[in-house]
Amino acid sequence: MLKMTDVETALSVQNLQISLVSLAGLMILYYFVPYVKQWRLRDIPAPGVAAFSHLWLVFQGRRGTRTMAIDKLHKTHGKMIRVAPRHISIADDSAIQAVYGHGNGFLKAEFYDAFLNVYRSIFTSRNRVEHTRKRKAISHAFSVKSIAQVEKYAHANIEMFLKQWRSIAENKKNPQTGFATFDALIWFNYLSFDIVGDLAFGAPFGMLEHDRDVVEMRKDPKATPTYINAVEVLNRRGEVAATLGACPALIPYAKWLPDPFFRLGAEAISNLAGIATSAVNRRLSLQGTAEERTDILTRLIESKDDNGNKLGRLEITGEALTMITGGSDTTSNTFGALLYWVLRTPRVLTNLQKVLDASIPPEVDVPTFDMVKNITYLQWVIWEALRIHSTFGLGLPREIPPDKGPVEICGHTFHAGDILSVPIYTVHHSPEIWGIDVEDFVPERWDPERLTQRQKGSFIPFSTGPRACIGRNLAEMELFVGCATFFRLFDMRLEQKEPMKVVEGFLRKPAGLTIGIKRREPEGR
C-alpha cells in the first residue's frame, strides 16, 4: 500500500489552505466589490448584509416575512431604506408617481423574471416597446364594455356559490346556535378560479360544483391530461417566485438548491403553466363548434397590435397564465380579508346589510354590477378592505434604465441601474397619511367630505401608471357583486378566536377563515 510522505502531506495541506484562502478571497470580492461600487448609497440604512448582498431579501422571501420586515425597518429607520445593494425602498407617497407614473421611463426589474414561464406576458414583460404592444392588443379584452359582456358567466358561478353556501347553512348547522361552521376561504378560492375559467376559457374548472380543488393539466397541448390541486400549486408558485425574484441569479439553479422549497416551487411554476396550456387547448378546441362563445379568450385570439399581427398560441397561453394567477388569487384573498374585517367590526356588517336591503330589489338574489356599483357604503367597505389588508403588500420593483439620467426622488439622487420600490402595505398603513386610527377598519374614512387628496393619491391596491393591473375592472365586478350577494343573504359571525393569520408569497394571503353562517331574508322580501 502506498503511503504519503511527510513532504507530500505538507504540500497537500498547503494546497488545501491556498484553495480555502482563494475561495474566501473570491467570496469577499463577490460581496465587497458591489458594496464599494454602491458607496454613494451608504447614507441609506440597510439591514445586516443587505448593503452588499441580496441574501437578506431572499431570506425574508423564504420566510414569508418580506412585507412586514420592510415595514418594521421603515418604522425604525425612516422613509428610505436599502433592502439589497441597489434596491431602495421608499415609503413616501410623494414617490409613487416618480417611481410608477406615466412618462418616467422606468422598467420592471429582474424580479419579474422569476414569474416567467411559457412566454412573456403583459405582467412579466420588462421591455417598454413589448409591453406597449401587448397592452394595446390586450387592454380591450378587460375594458368595462368587455367585462359587461361576459358578466353573465360570473353570475352563473356566484349562483353556484350561493347554492353551495345555502346547502352548508342548512345541512351543517349547529341546532343550538343555528350557525354552520366552516372555512370560508376554501370557497372563495373555488369561486375565483371558476369565474376565471368561465370568463376566459369557455367553462368553469368545476371546483364549486364538486367541492374540490382539482383541475386538468397538460405540459404540452398534445399530452395526456393529468389532474392536480390548483390552489396549492398557485400558492407554491407565488412563494418561490417572490423569493427567487429577490436574487434572479438563483433562478436557473432553483431545482438543484438543497432546500426542497425551491424544488417544489420550480415544479409548481411548471405545473401552473400546464394548467394554462390545458385551459387554452380546451378553449381553442371549441372554435367553429356550437359551444364557441364570446369571452375574454375570444378577445385575446382576435387581438392585433399596431402592425396588424395577432398573438401566437404561446403568447396567448402566457396571457392565460397571467389571467389564472391574477384573476383568481388576488380576488379570493381579498374576499377572505374583507369578510374577516367586516365580521370583526359588527357595526359595519349591520350598516352594510341595511344599505344592501334598501338598494337591491327584494326578489333578486345575485344582483348585477349595475345594481350595486354605485352603492356608496359598499364602495367604502371594499376600498377599506383593500387598504387595510393590502393583498399586494410589497413594493413592486422598478429599475432606472440606461438611457435615463440621474433622478432625484425625496431629496436623494439615483442613477441608471438602481432599483426603486414603494412598499404598498407601509404606505397604506402610514399614520401620517391616514391618521391615528390607521390600524382600524373604518369604511367611513372614504367619505368624500373626509377623504383627503393625499389619501386618495396614496391608495394603490392595483398599482398605478402604465404597468397598473389590467384586470382591475374584472376584479371590481367580482368584488361588488360577490359581496352584495353573500353579505345580504347570510347572517355571519367569526368563529375563530385568534386574529386572521396571513401568509406571504407574492401576495399576502389569509391562511384560513373559520366563520359561522345561517340564511338571512333581506328586508322587504
Protein backbone atom coordinates (compact mmCIF):
# COMPACT_ATOMS: atom_id res chain seq x y z
CA MET A 1 0.00 0.00 0.00
CA LEU A 2 1.33 3.44 -0.98
CA LYS A 3 1.81 5.96 1.80
CA MET A 4 2.13 9.71 1.54
CA THR A 5 5.49 11.08 2.61
CA ASP A 6 5.70 13.91 5.09
CA VAL A 7 6.59 16.27 2.23
CA GLU A 8 3.58 15.18 0.17
CA THR A 9 1.30 15.58 3.19
CA ALA A 10 2.63 19.07 3.83
CA LEU A 11 2.15 20.02 0.18
CA SER A 12 -1.40 18.63 0.24
CA VAL A 13 -2.28 20.65 3.34
CA GLN A 14 -0.65 23.72 1.82
CA ASN A 15 -2.68 23.34 -1.40
CA LEU A 16 -5.87 22.96 0.61
CA GLN A 17 -5.05 26.09 2.59
CA ILE A 18 -4.37 28.01 -0.64
CA SER A 19 -7.70 26.81 -2.08
CA LEU A 20 -9.60 27.87 1.03
CA VAL A 21 -7.88 31.26 1.12
CA SER A 22 -8.62 31.73 -2.60
CA LEU A 23 -12.26 30.79 -2.08
CA ALA A 24 -12.52 33.18 0.85
CA GLY A 25 -10.92 35.89 -1.26
CA LEU A 26 -13.39 35.34 -4.06
CA MET A 27 -16.30 35.45 -1.62
CA ILE A 28 -15.01 38.73 -0.18
CA LEU A 29 -14.59 40.20 -3.65
CA TYR A 30 -18.05 38.97 -4.68
CA TYR A 31 -19.72 40.80 -1.82
CA PHE A 32 -17.28 43.64 -1.15
CA VAL A 33 -16.94 44.96 -4.70
CA PRO A 34 -20.68 45.68 -5.08
CA TYR A 35 -20.60 47.33 -1.67
CA VAL A 36 -17.77 49.64 -2.67
CA LYS A 37 -19.36 50.23 -6.07
CA GLN A 38 -22.52 51.49 -4.36
CA TRP A 39 -20.66 53.63 -1.86
CA ARG A 40 -22.78 56.60 -2.94
CA LEU A 41 -25.81 54.84 -1.35
CA ARG A 42 -24.07 54.32 2.00
CA ASP A 43 -26.16 57.01 3.71
CA ILE A 44 -29.33 54.90 3.18
CA PRO A 45 -29.76 52.44 6.09
CA ALA A 46 -29.54 48.75 5.22
CA PRO A 47 -30.28 45.75 7.50
CA GLY A 48 -27.49 43.23 8.07
CA VAL A 49 -25.93 42.05 4.82
CA ALA A 50 -28.42 43.88 2.57
CA ALA A 51 -25.85 46.59 1.75
CA PHE A 52 -23.69 44.11 -0.18
CA SER A 53 -25.87 41.06 -0.82
CA HIS A 54 -29.35 40.04 -1.97
CA LEU A 55 -29.39 37.30 0.67
CA TRP A 56 -31.28 39.37 3.26
CA LEU A 57 -34.17 39.87 0.84
CA VAL A 58 -34.05 36.20 -0.23
CA PHE A 59 -34.19 35.17 3.43
CA GLN A 60 -37.25 37.35 4.09
CA GLY A 61 -38.96 35.96 1.00
CA ARG A 62 -38.23 32.39 2.05
CA ARG A 63 -39.71 33.06 5.50
CA GLY A 64 -42.74 34.84 4.07
CA THR A 65 -41.94 37.98 6.10
CA ARG A 66 -40.78 40.43 3.43
CA THR A 67 -43.63 42.95 3.67
CA MET A 68 -43.69 43.12 7.45
CA ALA A 69 -39.88 43.11 7.80
CA ILE A 70 -39.61 46.07 5.44
CA ASP A 71 -42.48 47.84 7.20
CA LYS A 72 -40.68 47.41 10.53
CA LEU A 73 -37.43 48.77 9.09
CA HIS A 74 -39.20 51.85 7.80
CA LYS A 75 -40.72 52.44 11.22
CA THR A 76 -37.19 52.24 12.70
CA HIS A 77 -35.06 53.97 10.08
CA GLY A 78 -37.42 56.30 8.25
CA LYS A 79 -38.84 56.62 4.77
CA MET A 80 -35.84 55.32 2.83
CA ILE A 81 -34.02 52.01 3.36
CA ARG A 82 -31.86 49.72 1.23
CA VAL A 83 -33.10 46.12 1.02
CA ALA A 84 -30.43 44.97 -1.47
CA PRO A 85 -27.20 46.60 -2.73
CA ARG A 86 -29.03 48.74 -5.32
CA HIS A 87 -32.66 48.25 -4.28
CA ILE A 88 -34.08 51.15 -2.31
CA SER A 89 -37.50 51.00 -0.66
CA ILE A 90 -39.10 54.45 -0.39
CA ALA A 91 -42.07 54.64 2.00
CA ASP A 92 -43.24 58.07 0.89
CA ASP A 93 -46.41 58.76 -1.06
CA SER A 94 -44.65 61.55 -2.96
CA ALA A 95 -42.51 58.83 -4.60
CA ILE A 96 -45.48 56.91 -6.06
CA GLN A 97 -45.77 58.90 -9.29
CA ALA A 98 -42.00 59.31 -9.56
CA VAL A 99 -41.48 55.52 -9.49
CA TYR A 100 -44.64 54.20 -11.17
CA GLY A 101 -46.17 57.14 -13.03
CA HIS A 102 -46.63 57.65 -16.77
CA GLY A 103 -43.69 59.02 -18.69
CA ASN A 104 -40.91 58.29 -16.19
CA GLY A 105 -39.43 55.55 -18.39
CA PHE A 106 -38.68 53.17 -15.50
CA LEU A 107 -38.59 49.44 -16.29
CA LYS A 108 -39.81 46.42 -14.40
CA ALA A 109 -36.83 44.95 -12.57
CA GLU A 110 -35.36 41.44 -12.96
CA PHE A 111 -37.64 40.40 -10.09
CA TYR A 112 -40.35 39.63 -12.67
CA ASP A 113 -38.17 37.07 -14.47
CA ALA A 114 -38.93 34.66 -11.62
CA PHE A 115 -42.59 34.60 -12.75
CA LEU A 116 -41.74 33.88 -16.39
CA ASN A 117 -42.98 30.63 -17.90
CA VAL A 118 -44.30 29.62 -21.33
CA TYR A 119 -43.97 33.14 -22.79
CA ARG A 120 -43.55 36.71 -21.57
CA SER A 121 -46.95 38.16 -20.70
CA ILE A 122 -48.19 41.66 -20.03
CA PHE A 123 -47.21 41.00 -16.39
CA THR A 124 -43.69 39.63 -16.93
CA SER A 125 -42.73 41.79 -19.92
CA ARG A 126 -39.90 44.18 -18.97
CA ASN A 127 -39.27 45.79 -22.34
CA ARG A 128 -41.15 49.09 -22.85
CA VAL A 129 -41.87 48.51 -26.55
CA GLU A 130 -43.02 44.93 -25.98
CA HIS A 131 -45.27 45.94 -23.10
CA THR A 132 -46.83 48.80 -25.07
CA ARG A 133 -47.59 46.39 -27.92
CA LYS A 134 -49.16 43.88 -25.56
CA ARG A 135 -51.22 46.42 -23.68
CA LYS A 136 -52.64 47.89 -26.90
CA ALA A 137 -53.53 44.42 -28.14
CA ILE A 138 -54.99 43.12 -24.89
CA SER A 139 -56.49 46.08 -23.00
CA HIS A 140 -59.83 45.98 -24.84
CA ALA A 141 -60.38 42.42 -23.51
CA PHE A 142 -60.51 43.88 -19.99
CA SER A 143 -62.40 47.09 -20.77
CA VAL A 144 -65.59 47.98 -18.91
CA LYS A 145 -67.59 47.11 -22.04
CA SER A 146 -65.94 43.69 -22.48
CA ILE A 147 -66.38 42.77 -18.81
CA ALA A 148 -70.06 43.75 -19.01
CA GLN A 149 -70.49 41.38 -21.95
CA VAL A 150 -69.14 38.38 -20.01
CA GLU A 151 -70.60 39.28 -16.60
CA LYS A 152 -73.36 36.70 -17.07
CA TYR A 153 -70.76 33.92 -16.80
CA ALA A 154 -69.54 35.30 -13.48
CA HIS A 155 -73.17 35.39 -12.30
CA ALA A 156 -73.64 31.70 -13.03
CA ASN A 157 -70.71 30.88 -10.75
CA ILE A 158 -71.85 33.21 -7.97
CA GLU A 159 -75.24 31.49 -8.15
CA MET A 160 -73.50 28.12 -7.76
CA PHE A 161 -71.52 29.58 -4.83
CA LEU A 162 -74.80 30.75 -3.26
CA LYS A 163 -76.38 27.32 -3.76
CA GLN A 164 -73.46 25.60 -2.01
CA TRP A 165 -73.43 28.04 0.93
CA ARG A 166 -77.17 27.62 1.39
CA SER A 167 -76.64 23.87 1.46
CA ILE A 168 -73.92 24.26 4.10
CA ALA A 169 -76.13 26.58 6.16
CA GLU A 170 -78.95 24.05 6.09
CA ASN A 171 -77.12 20.73 6.40
CA LYS A 172 -74.25 21.59 8.72
CA LYS A 173 -75.86 23.99 11.15
CA ASN A 174 -75.48 23.61 14.87
CA PRO A 175 -79.02 23.03 16.24
CA GLN A 176 -78.20 25.07 19.35
CA THR A 177 -76.88 28.18 17.58
CA GLY A 178 -78.37 27.85 14.12
CA PHE A 179 -74.97 28.61 12.57
CA ALA A 180 -72.99 26.27 10.31
CA THR A 181 -69.23 26.48 10.85
CA PHE A 182 -66.65 26.05 8.06
CA ASP A 183 -63.58 27.59 6.38
CA ALA A 184 -64.85 30.29 4.02
CA LEU A 185 -61.51 30.84 2.29
CA ILE A 186 -61.70 27.47 0.54
CA TRP A 187 -64.93 28.52 -1.12
CA PHE A 188 -63.54 31.90 -2.18
CA ASN A 189 -60.71 30.03 -3.90
CA TYR A 190 -63.25 27.85 -5.69
CA LEU A 191 -65.33 30.86 -6.70
CA SER A 192 -62.49 32.94 -8.11
CA PHE A 193 -60.96 30.00 -10.03
CA ASP A 194 -64.30 29.04 -11.56
CA ILE A 195 -65.09 32.60 -12.59
CA VAL A 196 -61.72 32.93 -14.33
CA GLY A 197 -62.22 29.57 -16.03
CA ASP A 198 -65.69 30.53 -17.23
CA LEU A 199 -64.86 34.04 -18.38
CA ALA A 200 -61.57 33.15 -20.05
CA PHE A 201 -61.66 29.52 -21.13
CA GLY A 202 -65.22 28.64 -22.01
CA ALA A 203 -66.15 26.72 -18.85
CA PRO A 204 -65.56 26.82 -15.08
CA PHE A 205 -62.99 24.49 -13.57
CA GLY A 206 -65.81 22.78 -11.64
CA MET A 207 -64.46 23.48 -8.16
CA LEU A 208 -67.71 24.96 -6.80
CA GLU A 209 -69.90 22.20 -8.20
CA HIS A 210 -67.72 19.34 -6.97
CA ASP A 211 -66.37 20.96 -3.78
CA ARG A 212 -62.79 20.11 -4.63
CA ASP A 213 -59.65 21.79 -5.88
CA VAL A 214 -58.77 19.64 -8.89
CA VAL A 215 -58.00 20.91 -12.40
CA GLU A 216 -56.69 19.47 -15.64
CA MET A 217 -53.04 20.00 -16.60
CA ARG A 218 -51.10 19.34 -19.83
CA LYS A 219 -47.41 20.19 -20.15
CA ASP A 220 -47.95 20.06 -23.92
CA PRO A 221 -51.19 20.62 -25.90
CA LYS A 222 -50.97 17.05 -27.26
CA ALA A 223 -50.07 15.41 -23.94
CA THR A 224 -52.42 13.17 -21.97
CA PRO A 225 -54.04 15.27 -19.23
CA THR A 226 -53.24 14.79 -15.56
CA TYR A 227 -55.03 16.38 -12.60
CA ILE A 228 -53.58 18.48 -9.80
CA ASN A 229 -54.55 20.78 -6.92
CA ALA A 230 -54.53 24.25 -8.47
CA VAL A 231 -54.73 26.32 -5.27
CA GLU A 232 -51.74 24.52 -3.76
CA VAL A 233 -49.80 24.97 -7.00
CA LEU A 234 -50.65 28.67 -7.11
CA ASN A 235 -49.58 29.19 -3.51
CA ARG A 236 -46.22 27.49 -4.01
CA ARG A 237 -45.55 29.30 -7.26
CA GLY A 238 -46.14 32.70 -5.62
CA GLU A 239 -43.93 31.90 -2.65
CA VAL A 240 -40.94 30.62 -4.63
CA ALA A 241 -41.19 33.24 -7.40
CA ALA A 242 -41.22 36.10 -4.90
CA THR A 243 -38.18 34.57 -3.18
CA LEU A 244 -36.17 33.89 -6.35
CA GLY A 245 -37.12 37.31 -7.69
CA ALA A 246 -35.12 38.83 -4.85
CA CYS A 247 -31.97 37.27 -6.38
CA PRO A 248 -32.61 36.47 -10.06
CA ALA A 249 -29.18 34.83 -10.40
CA LEU A 250 -30.63 31.88 -8.47
CA ILE A 251 -33.46 31.24 -10.96
CA PRO A 252 -31.61 28.77 -13.27
CA TYR A 253 -30.45 26.71 -10.28
CA ALA A 254 -33.68 26.67 -8.25
CA LYS A 255 -34.50 22.98 -8.64
CA TRP A 256 -30.98 21.97 -7.56
CA LEU A 257 -30.87 24.03 -4.38
CA PRO A 258 -30.81 21.83 -1.25
CA ASP A 259 -33.91 23.42 0.25
CA PRO A 260 -36.93 21.43 -1.11
CA PHE A 261 -38.91 24.68 -1.02
CA PHE A 262 -37.19 25.70 -4.27
CA ARG A 263 -37.53 22.32 -6.00
CA LEU A 264 -41.23 22.10 -5.20
CA GLY A 265 -41.68 25.72 -6.21
CA ALA A 266 -39.98 25.20 -9.57
CA GLU A 267 -42.26 22.21 -10.11
CA ALA A 268 -45.28 24.36 -9.21
CA ILE A 269 -44.25 27.01 -11.78
CA SER A 270 -44.13 24.29 -14.43
CA ASN A 271 -47.45 22.79 -13.33
CA LEU A 272 -49.18 26.16 -13.37
CA ALA A 273 -48.03 26.63 -16.95
CA GLY A 274 -49.54 23.21 -17.63
CA ILE A 275 -52.89 24.38 -16.26
CA ALA A 276 -52.81 27.38 -18.62
CA THR A 277 -51.81 25.18 -21.56
CA SER A 278 -54.67 22.78 -20.85
CA ALA A 279 -57.21 25.61 -20.44
CA VAL A 280 -56.17 27.27 -23.70
CA ASN A 281 -56.17 23.92 -25.51
CA ARG A 282 -59.71 23.19 -24.31
CA ARG A 283 -60.95 26.65 -25.29
CA LEU A 284 -59.36 26.58 -28.75
CA SER A 285 -60.93 23.19 -29.39
CA LEU A 286 -64.35 24.88 -29.24
CA GLN A 287 -63.62 27.14 -32.21
CA GLY A 288 -66.10 26.55 -35.01
CA THR A 289 -68.39 24.42 -32.81
CA ALA A 290 -71.81 25.15 -31.36
CA GLU A 291 -70.17 25.60 -27.94
CA GLU A 292 -67.98 28.51 -29.05
CA ARG A 293 -68.87 31.81 -27.47
CA THR A 294 -67.53 35.31 -26.94
CA ASP A 295 -65.38 35.54 -23.81
CA ILE A 296 -62.08 37.06 -22.72
CA LEU A 297 -60.01 34.48 -24.60
CA THR A 298 -62.01 35.31 -27.74
CA ARG A 299 -60.83 38.89 -27.35
CA LEU A 300 -57.23 37.73 -26.98
CA ILE A 301 -57.49 35.50 -30.07
CA GLU A 302 -58.88 38.43 -32.05
CA SER A 303 -56.32 40.91 -30.69
CA LYS A 304 -53.98 42.67 -33.10
CA ASP A 305 -51.08 45.00 -32.49
CA ASP A 306 -50.40 48.23 -34.41
CA ASN A 307 -48.92 46.21 -37.27
CA GLY A 308 -51.99 44.01 -37.57
CA ASN A 309 -50.25 40.97 -36.08
CA LYS A 310 -52.24 38.59 -33.88
CA LEU A 311 -50.98 36.95 -30.70
CA GLY A 312 -49.45 33.49 -31.26
CA ARG A 313 -50.56 30.40 -29.35
CA LEU A 314 -47.66 30.58 -26.89
CA GLU A 315 -48.30 34.26 -26.31
CA ILE A 316 -51.99 33.60 -25.69
CA THR A 317 -51.02 30.84 -23.24
CA GLY A 318 -48.71 33.27 -21.43
CA GLU A 319 -51.55 35.74 -21.05
CA ALA A 320 -53.85 32.92 -19.94
CA LEU A 321 -51.37 32.08 -17.20
CA THR A 322 -51.48 35.70 -16.05
CA MET A 323 -55.30 35.59 -16.03
CA ILE A 324 -55.33 32.44 -13.90
CA THR A 325 -52.92 33.86 -11.32
CA GLY A 326 -54.00 37.50 -11.36
CA GLY A 327 -57.70 36.78 -11.71
CA SER A 328 -58.07 34.11 -9.05
CA ASP A 329 -55.53 34.50 -6.25
CA THR A 330 -55.92 38.23 -5.75
CA THR A 331 -59.72 38.14 -5.68
CA SER A 332 -60.03 35.15 -3.35
CA ASN A 333 -57.56 36.68 -0.90
CA THR A 334 -59.40 39.99 -0.93
CA PHE A 335 -62.76 38.27 -0.37
CA GLY A 336 -61.31 36.46 2.64
CA ALA A 337 -59.71 39.55 4.18
CA LEU A 338 -62.79 41.67 3.53
CA LEU A 339 -65.07 39.13 5.22
CA TYR A 340 -62.73 38.92 8.22
CA TRP A 341 -62.60 42.68 8.77
CA VAL A 342 -66.35 43.17 8.33
CA LEU A 343 -67.18 40.37 10.76
CA ARG A 344 -64.79 41.62 13.40
CA THR A 345 -66.47 45.04 13.12
CA PRO A 346 -70.17 44.18 13.73
CA ARG A 347 -71.47 47.72 13.17
CA VAL A 348 -70.09 47.59 9.63
CA LEU A 349 -71.97 44.36 8.90
CA THR A 350 -75.21 45.86 10.23
CA ASN A 351 -74.81 49.04 8.18
CA LEU A 352 -73.85 47.12 5.06
CA GLN A 353 -76.82 44.76 5.24
CA LYS A 354 -79.16 47.73 5.74
CA VAL A 355 -77.95 49.59 2.62
CA LEU A 356 -77.92 46.40 0.52
CA ASP A 357 -81.52 45.62 1.52
CA ALA A 358 -82.56 49.14 0.54
CA SER A 359 -80.69 49.16 -2.79
CA ILE A 360 -81.32 45.71 -4.32
CA PRO A 361 -84.82 44.58 -5.43
CA PRO A 362 -86.20 42.08 -2.88
CA GLU A 363 -86.75 39.33 -5.47
CA VAL A 364 -83.12 39.42 -6.66
CA ASP A 365 -80.57 37.02 -5.18
CA VAL A 366 -77.49 37.82 -7.27
CA PRO A 367 -77.56 41.47 -8.38
CA THR A 368 -75.94 42.83 -11.50
CA PHE A 369 -72.88 45.05 -11.28
CA ASP A 370 -75.00 47.99 -12.45
CA MET A 371 -77.30 47.46 -9.46
CA VAL A 372 -74.50 47.67 -6.89
CA LYS A 373 -71.52 49.58 -8.31
CA ASN A 374 -72.84 52.91 -7.03
CA ILE A 375 -73.84 51.78 -3.53
CA THR A 376 -71.69 54.20 -1.58
CA TYR A 377 -71.24 52.24 1.64
CA LEU A 378 -70.38 49.04 -0.26
CA GLN A 379 -67.69 51.01 -2.12
CA TRP A 380 -66.28 52.27 1.18
CA VAL A 381 -66.17 48.77 2.68
CA ILE A 382 -64.33 47.34 -0.33
CA TRP A 383 -61.81 50.20 -0.54
CA GLU A 384 -61.10 50.00 3.19
CA ALA A 385 -60.50 46.23 2.96
CA LEU A 386 -58.09 46.78 0.06
CA ARG A 387 -56.28 49.38 2.13
CA ILE A 388 -56.00 47.63 5.48
CA HIS A 389 -55.22 44.15 4.15
CA SER A 390 -53.19 45.19 1.09
CA THR A 391 -53.15 41.95 -0.89
CA PHE A 392 -50.15 43.40 -2.74
CA GLY A 393 -48.05 44.39 0.24
CA LEU A 394 -44.53 44.53 -1.12
CA GLY A 395 -43.04 47.32 -3.18
CA LEU A 396 -43.15 46.43 -6.88
CA PRO A 397 -39.54 47.00 -8.07
CA ARG A 398 -38.72 49.37 -10.92
CA GLU A 399 -35.28 49.86 -12.47
CA ILE A 400 -33.90 53.14 -13.78
CA PRO A 401 -32.92 52.35 -17.41
CA PRO A 402 -29.52 53.09 -19.01
CA ASP A 403 -30.95 55.90 -21.13
CA LYS A 404 -32.28 57.71 -18.07
CA GLY A 405 -30.11 60.37 -16.45
CA PRO A 406 -29.80 60.86 -12.68
CA VAL A 407 -33.21 61.01 -11.00
CA GLU A 408 -33.93 62.89 -7.79
CA ILE A 409 -36.64 61.46 -5.53
CA CYS A 410 -37.32 62.58 -1.98
CA GLY A 411 -34.08 64.54 -1.88
CA HIS A 412 -31.83 61.67 -2.99
CA THR A 413 -30.21 61.19 -6.40
CA PHE A 414 -30.44 57.80 -8.10
CA HIS A 415 -28.71 56.53 -11.22
CA ALA A 416 -29.26 54.05 -14.05
CA GLY A 417 -29.37 50.50 -12.69
CA ASP A 418 -30.74 51.49 -9.30
CA ILE A 419 -33.97 49.69 -8.33
CA LEU A 420 -36.70 51.60 -6.52
CA SER A 421 -39.96 50.49 -4.97
CA VAL A 422 -42.72 51.98 -2.84
CA PRO A 423 -43.98 49.44 -0.24
CA ILE A 424 -47.75 49.36 -0.67
CA TYR A 425 -48.54 47.96 2.78
CA THR A 426 -46.41 50.57 4.54
CA VAL A 427 -47.98 53.45 2.60
CA HIS A 428 -51.47 52.05 3.27
CA HIS A 429 -50.64 51.87 6.99
CA SER A 430 -48.96 55.25 7.40
CA PRO A 431 -50.41 57.23 10.34
CA GLU A 432 -49.04 60.37 8.73
CA ILE A 433 -51.31 59.78 5.72
CA TRP A 434 -54.33 58.00 7.21
CA GLY A 435 -54.45 59.24 10.80
CA ILE A 436 -54.03 57.71 14.23
CA ASP A 437 -56.81 55.17 13.54
CA VAL A 438 -54.86 53.72 10.60
CA GLU A 439 -54.97 50.19 12.05
CA ASP A 440 -58.74 50.28 12.49
CA PHE A 441 -61.25 49.14 9.87
CA VAL A 442 -63.16 52.36 9.21
CA PRO A 443 -65.12 52.43 5.92
CA GLU A 444 -66.29 55.96 6.72
CA ARG A 445 -62.78 57.30 6.08
CA TRP A 446 -63.73 57.05 2.36
CA ASP A 447 -66.49 59.64 2.74
CA PRO A 448 -65.56 62.32 0.14
CA GLU A 449 -66.06 65.01 2.78
CA ARG A 450 -63.45 63.31 4.95
CA LEU A 451 -61.06 61.80 2.36
CA THR A 452 -58.05 64.00 1.61
CA GLN A 453 -56.39 64.34 -1.77
CA ARG A 454 -53.22 62.90 -0.26
CA GLN A 455 -55.06 59.77 0.91
CA LYS A 456 -56.67 59.38 -2.50
CA GLY A 457 -53.27 59.54 -4.21
CA SER A 458 -51.73 57.10 -1.70
CA PHE A 459 -54.27 54.34 -2.34
CA ILE A 460 -52.66 51.96 -4.87
CA PRO A 461 -54.08 48.43 -4.40
CA PHE A 462 -53.88 47.85 -8.16
CA SER A 463 -50.59 49.78 -8.50
CA THR A 464 -50.67 52.82 -10.79
CA GLY A 465 -49.27 54.14 -14.05
CA PRO A 466 -48.72 52.24 -17.32
CA ARG A 467 -47.97 48.95 -15.55
CA ALA A 468 -51.04 49.03 -13.29
CA CYS A 469 -53.20 45.89 -13.03
CA ILE A 470 -55.01 45.42 -16.34
CA GLY A 471 -57.67 43.22 -14.65
CA ARG A 472 -58.97 45.91 -12.29
CA ASN A 473 -62.42 46.11 -13.96
CA LEU A 474 -62.87 42.35 -13.66
CA ALA A 475 -61.76 42.34 -10.01
CA GLU A 476 -64.13 45.16 -9.09
CA MET A 477 -67.09 43.47 -10.78
CA GLU A 478 -66.42 40.24 -8.84
CA LEU A 479 -65.92 42.03 -5.51
CA PHE A 480 -69.01 44.22 -5.76
CA VAL A 481 -71.39 41.50 -6.97
CA GLY A 482 -69.96 38.80 -4.67
CA CYS A 483 -70.02 40.95 -1.53
CA ALA A 484 -73.51 42.27 -2.27
CA THR A 485 -74.70 38.66 -2.56
CA PHE A 486 -73.28 36.91 0.48
CA PHE A 487 -73.48 39.80 2.96
CA ARG A 488 -77.14 40.32 2.09
CA LEU A 489 -78.29 36.70 2.06
CA PHE A 490 -76.45 35.34 5.12
CA ASP A 491 -76.02 36.26 8.74
CA MET A 492 -72.39 35.57 9.59
CA ARG A 493 -70.04 35.62 12.53
CA LEU A 494 -66.39 34.88 13.21
CA GLU A 495 -65.85 31.51 14.87
CA GLN A 496 -62.07 31.72 15.25
CA LYS A 497 -60.74 33.44 18.37
CA GLU A 498 -57.29 34.30 17.06
CA PRO A 499 -56.60 37.09 14.53
CA MET A 500 -56.55 36.10 10.87
CA LYS A 501 -53.18 34.59 10.02
CA VAL A 502 -51.58 35.97 6.85
CA VAL A 503 -49.07 34.01 4.75
CA GLU A 504 -46.95 35.88 2.25
CA GLY A 505 -45.63 34.81 -1.12
CA PHE A 506 -46.02 37.34 -3.90
CA LEU A 507 -49.35 38.21 -2.28
CA ARG A 508 -50.46 38.47 1.33
CA LYS A 509 -52.87 35.55 1.72
CA PRO A 510 -55.24 34.71 4.57
CA ALA A 511 -54.29 31.22 5.75
CA GLY A 512 -57.87 30.34 6.64
CA LEU A 513 -61.08 31.93 7.89
CA THR A 514 -63.45 29.98 10.14
CA ILE A 515 -66.90 31.53 10.17
CA GLY A 516 -70.46 30.61 11.03
CA ILE A 517 -73.36 31.32 8.66
CA LYS A 518 -77.11 30.99 8.58
CA ARG A 519 -79.62 32.04 5.96
CA ARG A 520 -80.98 35.55 6.08
CA GLU A 521 -84.01 37.06 4.39
CA PRO A 522 -83.45 40.62 3.15
CA GLU A 523 -85.80 43.33 4.40
CA GLY A 524 -88.88 43.60 2.23
CA ARG A 525 -88.78 40.04 0.92
